[in-house]
Amino acid sequence: MTGNSGQDGQGNKDATITYGSPAPGDPFLIGDTMTGGYGKGPDILHECSVAVYPKEITVIVGPNGAGKSTAMKAVFGMLDVRAGSVRLDGEDITKLSPQDRVIKGMGFVPQNANIFTSLTVEENLEMGAFIRRDDFSDTMEQVYELFPILREKRHQAAGELSGGQRQQVAVGRALMTQPKVLMLDEPTAGVSPIVMDELFDRIIEVARSGIPILMVEQNARQALEIADRGYVLVQGRNAFSGTGKELLADPEVRKSFLGG
């Protein structure tokens, strides 16, 4: 298997290296050739594209400072996209606020400050249902089935939980909005390898339930092992893209980003 360089759809040669796997129809969510940065600052992303397909896990990996989290924040509307677009289920949402994107069906779990530590687990989940006007008890039950430890600790203050359990609260709270797509920024940051494996298992279950996932991860090898497709960013640009297996097998990706 070899990477195929070529044009990136904008007439720019060798902008990225992709592989030959056919795309399964149109992406459900796409940040298309996004260029942008924060406020009046310089561009951090440079014609960066990330696509998420139905029922799939897409991961963004790369070295520190590569623009991984910035790309996700651009998709969620947290920085200015000065060129390119963001589309959700065929609709251009480039100009929408993050709040409006949540209403459209985007669930986002930031890396930091992603739970209310003084509230109980159950109160955190209830806060996640803030945009709903219907009975969300069935959704809460589904979250408890996905994360059994949260049911056990539902009356405990979320701030008293372990790091991995807090992450489960954060993901569960995002699921309470009944999102059409779930975005996770470094979900395994600061947790042990055992907890990381457990979180990845739960993420796989969410995707199998029909909710596509876009995930930024520092643990690149482990993330690509569960990914349907992945993007390697370098300095805000696409460097490699392909299925998780293709990227794991690529000698240059392994040498440069996966430790050989």
Protein backbone atom coordinates (compact mmCIF):
# COMPACT_ATOMS: atom_id res chain seq x y z
CA MET A 1 0.00 0.00 0.00
CA THR A 2 1.33 3.40 -0.89
CA GLY A 3 0.14 6.90 -0.22
CA ASN A 4 -1.17 8.85 -3.19
CA SER A 5 -0.21 12.49 -3.32
CA GLY A 6 -2.09 14.72 -5.68
CA GLN A 7 -4.44 17.63 -5.74
CA ASP A 8 -6.49 18.45 -2.69
CA GLY A 9 -9.61 19.55 -4.52
CA GLN A 10 -8.50 23.19 -4.55
CA GLY A 11 -5.81 22.78 -7.18
CA ASN A 12 -3.01 22.63 -4.61
CA LYS A 13 -0.66 19.77 -5.32
CA ASP A 14 0.74 17.60 -2.55
CA ALA A 15 -1.31 19.32 0.15
CA THR A 16 -1.90 15.98 1.80
CA ILE A 17 -1.30 12.29 1.35
CA THR A 18 -4.38 10.13 1.15
CA TYR A 19 -5.12 6.51 0.37
CA GLY A 20 -7.38 4.62 -1.95
CA SER A 21 -10.28 3.63 0.31
CA PRO A 22 -13.62 4.76 -1.17
CA ALA A 23 -15.62 7.22 0.92
CA PRO A 24 -18.96 5.76 2.15
CA GLY A 25 -21.18 8.39 0.56
CA ASP A 26 -21.22 11.99 1.73
CA PRO A 27 -19.71 12.95 5.09
CA PHE A 28 -22.21 13.81 7.82
CA LEU A 29 -19.93 16.54 9.15
CA ILE A 30 -17.11 18.25 7.29
CA GLY A 31 -14.74 21.08 7.93
CA ASP A 32 -13.78 21.80 4.34
CA THR A 33 -10.42 23.48 3.58
CA MET A 34 -10.65 25.58 6.74
CA THR A 35 -8.24 28.49 7.15
CA GLY A 36 -8.50 30.58 10.29
CA GLY A 37 -7.39 31.57 13.77
CA TYR A 38 -8.49 33.31 16.93
CA GLY A 39 -9.74 36.89 16.80
CA LYS A 40 -7.31 39.13 14.94
CA GLY A 41 -4.43 36.71 15.39
CA PRO A 42 -2.60 34.86 12.62
CA ASP A 43 -4.01 31.84 10.84
CA ILE A 44 -3.44 28.60 12.73
CA LEU A 45 -5.27 26.35 10.28
CA HIS A 46 -4.27 26.32 6.63
CA GLU A 47 -6.75 24.71 4.22
CA CYS A 48 -7.37 21.99 6.78
CA SER A 49 -10.10 19.46 5.99
CA VAL A 50 -11.69 16.94 8.35
CA ALA A 51 -14.67 14.74 7.46
CA VAL A 52 -16.83 12.55 9.69
CA TYR A 53 -18.98 9.86 8.10
CA PRO A 54 -22.14 8.26 9.48
CA LYS A 55 -21.56 5.61 12.16
CA GLU A 56 -17.79 6.13 12.06
CA ILE A 57 -15.05 7.25 14.45
CA THR A 58 -12.76 9.88 12.96
CA VAL A 59 -9.62 10.89 14.85
CA ILE A 60 -7.27 13.85 14.49
CA VAL A 61 -3.70 13.20 15.59
CA GLY A 62 -0.35 14.93 15.24
CA PRO A 63 2.50 16.44 17.25
CA ASN A 64 2.01 19.05 19.96
CA GLY A 65 1.07 22.38 18.43
CA ALA A 66 -0.15 20.79 15.21
CA GLY A 67 -3.57 22.45 15.44
CA LYS A 68 -5.55 19.34 16.38
CA SER A 69 -7.80 20.94 19.00
CA THR A 70 -7.93 24.13 16.95
CA ALA A 71 -9.37 22.18 14.02
CA MET A 72 -12.07 20.73 16.24
CA LYS A 73 -12.85 24.15 17.72
CA ALA A 74 -13.15 25.53 14.20
CA VAL A 75 -15.69 22.84 13.36
CA PHE A 76 -17.61 23.77 16.53
CA GLY A 77 -17.53 27.51 15.81
CA MET A 78 -15.10 28.57 18.53
CA LEU A 79 -12.72 30.43 16.22
CA ASP A 80 -12.96 32.41 13.00
CA VAL A 81 -13.01 30.34 9.81
CA ARG A 82 -11.73 32.93 7.35
CA ALA A 83 -11.83 30.64 4.34
CA GLY A 84 -13.48 27.29 3.74
CA SER A 85 -16.69 26.05 5.31
CA VAL A 86 -18.28 23.75 7.87
CA ARG A 87 -21.27 21.64 6.85
CA LEU A 88 -23.50 19.44 8.99
CA ASP A 89 -25.76 16.95 7.23
CA GLY A 90 -25.45 19.00 4.04
CA GLU A 91 -26.21 22.36 5.68
CA ASP A 92 -23.63 25.16 5.74
CA ILE A 93 -23.22 26.11 9.41
CA THR A 94 -20.01 28.12 9.07
CA LYS A 95 -21.57 31.29 10.49
CA LEU A 96 -23.50 29.68 13.35
CA SER A 97 -22.53 30.13 17.01
CA PRO A 98 -21.50 27.10 19.07
CA GLN A 99 -24.87 27.29 20.88
CA ASP A 100 -26.75 27.14 17.60
CA ARG A 101 -24.60 24.23 16.49
CA VAL A 102 -25.62 22.34 19.63
CA ILE A 103 -29.25 22.95 18.73
CA LYS A 104 -28.50 21.63 15.22
CA GLY A 105 -27.18 18.41 16.77
CA MET A 106 -23.50 18.84 17.61
CA GLY A 107 -22.28 17.54 20.97
CA PHE A 108 -18.89 18.82 22.16
CA VAL A 109 -16.81 17.66 25.14
CA PRO A 110 -13.86 20.02 25.78
CA GLN A 111 -10.66 18.76 27.34
CA ASN A 112 -10.85 21.01 30.40
CA ALA A 113 -13.66 22.38 32.59
CA ASN A 114 -16.11 19.88 31.11
CA ILE A 115 -18.17 19.12 34.24
CA PHE A 116 -19.76 21.00 37.14
CA THR A 117 -17.70 19.71 40.03
CA SER A 118 -20.05 20.95 42.78
CA LEU A 119 -23.10 19.27 41.26
CA THR A 120 -23.91 15.58 41.57
CA VAL A 121 -23.44 13.21 38.67
CA GLU A 122 -27.17 13.16 38.03
CA GLU A 123 -27.41 16.96 38.18
CA ASN A 124 -24.61 17.18 35.63
CA LEU A 125 -26.55 14.90 33.30
CA GLU A 126 -29.70 16.95 33.81
CA MET A 127 -27.73 20.08 32.88
CA GLY A 128 -26.81 18.35 29.64
CA ALA A 129 -30.48 18.22 28.69
CA PHE A 130 -30.87 22.01 28.90
CA ILE A 131 -32.04 22.37 25.28
CA ARG A 132 -34.70 19.68 25.58
CA ARG A 133 -38.35 20.23 26.40
CA ASP A 134 -39.36 16.57 26.41
CA ASP A 135 -39.01 13.80 28.98
CA PHE A 136 -35.31 12.86 28.94
CA SER A 137 -35.46 10.05 31.50
CA ASP A 138 -35.00 7.41 28.79
CA THR A 139 -31.82 9.13 27.61
CA MET A 140 -30.49 9.25 31.17
CA GLU A 141 -31.16 5.54 31.51
CA GLN A 142 -29.20 4.93 28.30
CA VAL A 143 -26.27 6.93 29.72
CA TYR A 144 -26.37 4.86 32.91
CA GLU A 145 -26.38 1.66 30.86
CA LEU A 146 -23.36 2.90 28.90
CA PHE A 147 -21.53 4.05 32.05
CA PRO A 148 -22.70 1.82 34.95
CA ILE A 149 -20.36 3.52 37.44
CA LEU A 150 -22.31 6.74 36.97
CA ARG A 151 -25.51 5.09 38.13
CA GLU A 152 -23.70 3.88 41.22
CA LYS A 153 -22.35 7.36 41.94
CA ARG A 154 -25.29 9.40 40.66
CA HIS A 155 -25.83 11.20 43.99
CA GLN A 156 -22.13 11.91 44.53
CA ALA A 157 -20.53 15.28 43.71
CA ALA A 158 -18.83 15.01 40.33
CA GLY A 159 -15.74 16.74 41.73
CA GLU A 160 -15.12 13.73 44.00
CA LEU A 161 -14.80 11.31 41.09
CA SER A 162 -11.63 9.97 39.49
CA GLY A 163 -10.37 11.48 36.25
CA GLY A 164 -11.77 8.67 34.15
CA GLN A 165 -15.15 8.86 35.87
CA ARG A 166 -15.27 12.61 35.31
CA GLN A 167 -14.72 12.02 31.62
CA GLN A 168 -17.62 9.58 31.61
CA VAL A 169 -19.79 12.29 33.19
CA ALA A 170 -18.67 14.76 30.52
CA VAL A 171 -19.45 12.37 27.67
CA GLY A 172 -22.74 11.37 29.28
CA ARG A 173 -23.76 14.99 29.67
CA ALA A 174 -23.10 15.61 25.96
CA LEU A 175 -25.17 12.55 25.08
CA MET A 176 -28.12 13.99 27.01
CA THR A 177 -28.67 16.49 24.17
CA GLN A 178 -29.27 13.51 21.84
CA PRO A 179 -26.54 14.75 19.49
CA LYS A 180 -26.34 13.77 15.83
CA VAL A 181 -22.54 13.87 16.05
CA LEU A 182 -20.24 13.82 19.11
CA MET A 183 -16.89 15.66 19.29
CA LEU A 184 -14.34 14.77 21.95
CA ASP A 185 -11.23 16.86 22.65
CA GLU A 186 -8.51 14.69 24.26
CA PRO A 187 -10.96 12.41 26.13
CA THR A 188 -8.17 10.29 27.64
CA ALA A 189 -5.89 13.12 28.78
CA GLY A 190 -4.42 12.40 32.20
CA VAL A 191 -5.96 8.98 32.72
CA SER A 192 -4.22 5.63 33.20
CA PRO A 193 -3.83 3.17 30.30
CA ILE A 194 -6.49 0.90 31.81
CA VAL A 195 -8.98 3.75 32.07
CA MET A 196 -8.06 4.87 28.55
CA ASP A 197 -8.94 1.43 27.18
CA GLU A 198 -12.26 1.51 29.02
CA LEU A 199 -13.11 4.96 27.69
CA PHE A 200 -12.25 3.89 24.15
CA ASP A 201 -14.54 0.86 24.56
CA ARG A 202 -17.39 3.18 25.55
CA ILE A 203 -16.62 5.50 22.62
CA ILE A 204 -16.86 2.53 20.27
CA GLU A 205 -20.25 1.68 21.79
CA VAL A 206 -21.48 5.23 21.19
CA ALA A 207 -20.43 5.04 17.55
CA ARG A 208 -22.11 1.64 17.14
CA SER A 209 -25.32 3.17 18.50
CA GLY A 210 -25.36 5.36 15.39
CA ILE A 211 -23.69 8.58 16.60
CA PRO A 212 -20.62 9.47 14.50
CA ILE A 213 -17.62 10.69 16.50
CA LEU A 214 -14.86 13.20 15.85
CA MET A 215 -12.05 12.84 18.36
CA VAL A 216 -8.77 14.66 18.97
CA GLU A 217 -6.24 12.42 20.71
CA GLN A 218 -2.67 12.69 21.93
CA ASN A 219 -2.48 8.88 22.26
CA ALA A 220 -2.22 8.54 18.50
CA ARG A 221 -1.54 4.83 18.13
CA GLN A 222 -4.37 3.76 20.43
CA ALA A 223 -6.78 6.22 18.83
CA LEU A 224 -5.98 5.05 15.29
CA GLU A 225 -6.55 1.45 16.39
CA ILE A 226 -10.23 2.23 17.01
CA ALA A 227 -10.60 4.78 14.20
CA ASP A 228 -12.46 4.18 10.97
CA ARG A 229 -10.47 7.06 9.50
CA GLY A 230 -7.85 9.47 10.68
CA TYR A 231 -6.13 12.74 9.88
CA VAL A 232 -2.56 13.63 10.77
CA LEU A 233 -2.06 17.38 11.08
CA VAL A 234 1.25 19.22 11.01
CA GLN A 235 1.36 22.98 11.59
CA GLY A 236 -2.35 23.33 10.91
CA ARG A 237 -2.27 21.47 7.61
CA ASN A 238 -3.32 17.99 6.54
CA ALA A 239 -0.21 15.82 6.24
CA PHE A 240 -1.75 12.34 5.96
CA SER A 241 -5.27 10.92 5.88
CA GLY A 242 -6.71 7.45 5.47
CA THR A 243 -8.32 4.67 7.44
CA GLY A 244 -6.96 3.98 10.89
CA LYS A 245 -5.34 0.77 9.63
CA GLU A 246 -3.74 2.53 6.67
CA LEU A 247 -2.19 5.20 8.84
CA LEU A 248 -0.94 2.66 11.38
CA ALA A 249 0.71 0.70 8.56
CA ASP A 250 2.32 3.70 6.85
CA PRO A 251 6.09 3.68 7.53
CA GLU A 252 6.41 7.47 7.48
CA VAL A 253 3.47 7.97 9.83
CA ARG A 254 4.85 5.32 12.18
CA LYS A 255 8.34 6.85 12.15
CA SER A 256 7.28 10.47 12.49
CA PHE A 257 4.24 10.30 14.75
CA LEU A 258 3.91 6.87 16.36
CA GLY A 259 7.40 6.27 17.68
CA GLY A 260 8.50 3.82 14.98
